[in-house]
């Protein structure tokens, strides 16, 4: 392994941590209808567990409404049951072969709870990034001990790892500010 590979691996791992956090943010209800709220709910249908997005078309025709159109009308009850059991907190209404989800207005207290959840998820992502940083630093130091890179190369690698870490943390902070503003907007 070379110093470039250590840097590349660290950057890829940090990007994954940020992407995972953004995916988690997408599942937090902001008062607006978004297919991301329900698309990854596990539904038991046909004797196996599948993601809702594999069983139905999810659209948002209005700002506070999600419409779920199952590909097979026989899965309507399974989808309804999965939504009720999930932690989305929205009661589905069956309308023939469709399922409608009305997204209620969020109270001020609920908005603040969601902001705390966002900040908790962001801190978890920062912890993952720091772990990636630590692994990359250890990898670079190991290369130096093995004589594969010089002390100067080690110092350059450490500076580059820190730059990547700072950029990833800045990305997280930017996304947190955006999500907080989205949640607090009435």
Protein backbone atom coordinates (compact mmCIF):
# COMPACT_ATOMS: atom_id res chain seq x y z
CA UNK A 1 0.00 0.00 0.00
CA UNK A 2 1.26 3.50 -0.82
CA UNK A 3 0.60 6.91 0.75
CA UNK A 4 -1.70 7.76 -2.20
CA UNK A 5 -3.76 4.64 -1.56
CA UNK A 6 -4.08 5.52 2.14
CA UNK A 7 -5.29 9.02 1.17
CA UNK A 8 -7.68 7.69 -1.45
CA UNK A 9 -9.15 5.14 0.96
CA UNK A 10 -9.54 7.76 3.71
CA UNK A 11 -11.28 10.16 1.35
CA UNK A 12 -13.64 7.43 0.08
CA UNK A 13 -14.52 6.34 3.62
CA UNK A 14 -15.19 9.92 4.71
CA UNK A 15 -17.40 10.53 1.66
CA UNK A 16 -19.38 7.40 2.56
CA UNK A 17 -19.87 8.72 6.10
CA UNK A 18 -21.24 12.02 4.74
CA UNK A 19 -23.47 10.21 2.22
CA UNK A 20 -24.85 7.93 4.92
CA UNK A 21 -25.66 10.95 7.09
CA UNK A 22 -27.43 12.65 4.17
CA UNK A 23 -29.44 9.47 3.56
CA UNK A 24 -30.44 9.44 7.23
CA UNK A 25 -31.40 13.14 6.98
CA UNK A 26 -33.70 12.31 4.05
CA UNK A 27 -35.76 10.04 6.31
CA UNK A 28 -36.45 12.85 8.78
CA UNK A 29 -39.86 14.36 8.14
CA UNK A 30 -39.77 18.11 7.54
CA UNK A 31 -43.47 18.72 7.05
CA UNK A 32 -43.09 18.36 3.29
CA UNK A 33 -43.93 15.18 1.44
CA UNK A 34 -40.86 13.39 0.16
CA UNK A 35 -40.71 9.84 -1.20
CA UNK A 36 -37.49 9.38 0.81
CA UNK A 37 -39.62 9.30 3.97
CA UNK A 38 -41.01 5.87 3.13
CA UNK A 39 -39.08 4.38 0.21
CA UNK A 40 -36.77 2.28 2.41
CA UNK A 41 -39.44 0.86 4.71
CA UNK A 42 -39.18 -2.94 4.81
CA UNK A 43 -42.38 -4.60 3.62
CA UNK A 44 -43.03 -8.32 4.05
CA UNK A 45 -44.67 -9.43 0.81
CA UNK A 46 -44.56 -12.61 -1.24
CA UNK A 47 -42.96 -14.37 1.72
CA UNK A 48 -39.87 -12.16 1.86
CA UNK A 49 -38.83 -8.70 3.03
CA UNK A 50 -38.50 -6.01 0.35
CA UNK A 51 -38.05 -2.25 0.30
CA UNK A 52 -41.23 -0.27 -0.41
CA UNK A 53 -39.63 1.34 -3.48
CA UNK A 54 -39.35 -2.17 -5.00
CA UNK A 55 -43.07 -2.81 -4.55
CA UNK A 56 -44.66 0.51 -5.47
CA UNK A 57 -44.39 3.84 -7.20
CA UNK A 58 -44.12 6.65 -4.65
CA UNK A 59 -45.11 10.16 -5.78
CA UNK A 60 -45.77 13.51 -4.17
CA UNK A 61 -48.56 15.25 -6.10
CA UNK A 62 -49.00 17.90 -3.38
CA UNK A 63 -46.64 19.44 -0.84
CA UNK A 64 -48.25 17.53 2.08
CA UNK A 65 -49.33 14.33 0.33
CA UNK A 66 -47.57 11.12 -0.68
CA UNK A 67 -49.30 8.65 -2.97
CA UNK A 68 -48.13 5.05 -3.04
CA UNK A 69 -49.20 3.03 -6.08
CA UNK A 70 -48.36 -0.67 -5.57
CA UNK A 71 -47.32 -2.52 -8.72
CA UNK A 72 -49.52 -5.39 -7.48
CA UNK A 73 -52.83 -4.49 -5.82
CA UNK A 74 -52.47 -7.58 -3.60
CA UNK A 75 -49.67 -5.91 -1.64
CA UNK A 76 -51.74 -2.90 -0.48
CA UNK A 77 -52.45 -4.44 2.95
CA UNK A 78 -48.80 -5.50 3.39
CA UNK A 79 -47.62 -1.98 2.58
CA UNK A 80 -50.17 -0.41 4.94
CA UNK A 81 -49.07 -2.74 7.75
CA UNK A 82 -45.38 -1.94 7.17
CA UNK A 83 -46.02 1.83 7.22
CA UNK A 84 -48.01 1.53 10.46
CA UNK A 85 -45.21 -0.52 12.07
CA UNK A 86 -42.48 1.86 10.91
CA UNK A 87 -41.43 4.87 12.94
CA UNK A 88 -42.62 7.37 10.32
CA UNK A 89 -45.60 8.33 12.46
CA UNK A 90 -48.06 8.75 9.58
CA UNK A 91 -51.30 6.80 9.26
CA UNK A 92 -51.87 5.48 5.73
CA UNK A 93 -55.30 5.79 4.10
CA UNK A 94 -56.23 3.15 1.53
CA UNK A 95 -58.08 4.52 -1.48
CA UNK A 96 -58.83 1.54 -3.72
CA UNK A 97 -55.49 0.45 -5.15
CA UNK A 98 -53.68 3.53 -3.82
CA UNK A 99 -52.33 4.43 -0.39
CA UNK A 100 -52.39 8.08 0.57
CA UNK A 101 -50.20 9.54 3.28
CA UNK A 102 -51.18 13.00 4.51
CA UNK A 103 -48.17 14.71 6.05
CA UNK A 104 -49.35 16.70 9.07
CA UNK A 105 -47.94 20.09 10.02
CA UNK A 106 -45.12 19.81 12.56
CA UNK A 107 -45.49 21.45 15.96
CA UNK A 108 -42.72 23.73 17.27
CA UNK A 109 -41.77 21.17 19.90
CA UNK A 110 -41.57 18.38 17.31
CA UNK A 111 -39.41 20.58 15.07
CA UNK A 112 -36.97 21.13 17.93
CA UNK A 113 -36.87 17.37 18.62
CA UNK A 114 -36.08 16.75 14.96
CA UNK A 115 -33.30 19.36 15.03
CA UNK A 116 -31.79 17.52 18.02
CA UNK A 117 -32.02 14.27 16.04
CA UNK A 118 -30.29 15.90 13.07
CA UNK A 119 -27.49 17.16 15.31
CA UNK A 120 -27.11 13.70 16.87
CA UNK A 121 -26.85 12.09 13.42
CA UNK A 122 -24.30 14.73 12.40
CA UNK A 123 -22.19 14.02 15.49
CA UNK A 124 -22.26 10.29 14.69
CA UNK A 125 -21.01 11.12 11.18
CA UNK A 126 -18.23 13.30 12.65
CA UNK A 127 -17.19 10.39 14.89
CA UNK A 128 -17.05 8.10 11.83
CA UNK A 129 -14.91 10.67 10.02
CA UNK A 130 -12.52 10.97 12.97
CA UNK A 131 -12.22 7.17 13.00
CA UNK A 132 -11.37 7.24 9.28
CA UNK A 133 -8.80 9.95 9.98
CA UNK A 134 -7.24 7.88 12.76
CA UNK A 135 -7.05 4.78 10.52
CA UNK A 136 -5.45 6.79 7.72
CA UNK A 137 -2.91 8.38 10.08
CA UNK A 138 -2.04 4.95 11.48
CA UNK A 139 -1.68 3.57 7.96
CA UNK A 140 0.65 6.40 6.96
CA UNK A 141 2.76 5.94 10.12
CA UNK A 142 2.96 2.21 9.42
CA UNK A 143 4.24 2.92 5.90
CA UNK A 144 6.90 5.22 7.34
CA UNK A 145 7.98 2.58 9.90
CA UNK A 146 8.24 -0.02 7.13
CA UNK A 147 10.46 2.37 5.17
CA UNK A 148 8.03 2.68 2.26
CA UNK A 149 7.77 6.47 2.67
CA UNK A 150 10.07 9.11 4.14
CA UNK A 151 9.40 11.34 7.15
CA UNK A 152 8.66 14.21 4.77
CA UNK A 153 6.16 12.04 2.88
CA UNK A 154 4.55 11.12 6.20
CA UNK A 155 4.21 14.78 7.12
CA UNK A 156 2.68 15.61 3.71
CA UNK A 157 0.29 12.66 4.02
CA UNK A 158 -0.78 13.75 7.51
CA UNK A 159 -1.46 17.29 6.26
CA UNK A 160 -3.47 15.92 3.32
CA UNK A 161 -5.46 13.61 5.62
CA UNK A 162 -6.25 16.60 7.83
CA UNK A 163 -7.40 18.62 4.78
CA UNK A 164 -9.73 15.79 3.74
CA UNK A 165 -11.04 15.53 7.30
CA UNK A 166 -11.67 19.28 7.53
CA UNK A 167 -13.48 19.24 4.18
CA UNK A 168 -15.71 16.33 5.27
CA UNK A 169 -16.57 17.99 8.59
CA UNK A 170 -17.36 21.23 6.73
CA UNK A 171 -19.68 19.26 4.41
CA UNK A 172 -21.47 17.82 7.45
CA UNK A 173 -21.83 21.26 9.03
CA UNK A 174 -23.22 22.69 5.76
CA UNK A 175 -25.81 19.92 5.51
CA UNK A 176 -26.79 20.32 9.18
CA UNK A 177 -27.39 24.07 8.75
CA UNK A 178 -29.50 23.39 5.64
CA UNK A 179 -31.55 20.63 7.31
CA UNK A 180 -32.05 22.69 10.49
CA UNK A 181 -33.33 25.62 8.42
CA UNK A 182 -35.61 23.27 6.49
CA UNK A 183 -37.02 21.84 9.73
CA UNK A 184 -37.60 25.18 11.44
CA UNK A 185 -39.29 26.74 8.39
CA UNK A 186 -43.04 26.86 9.00
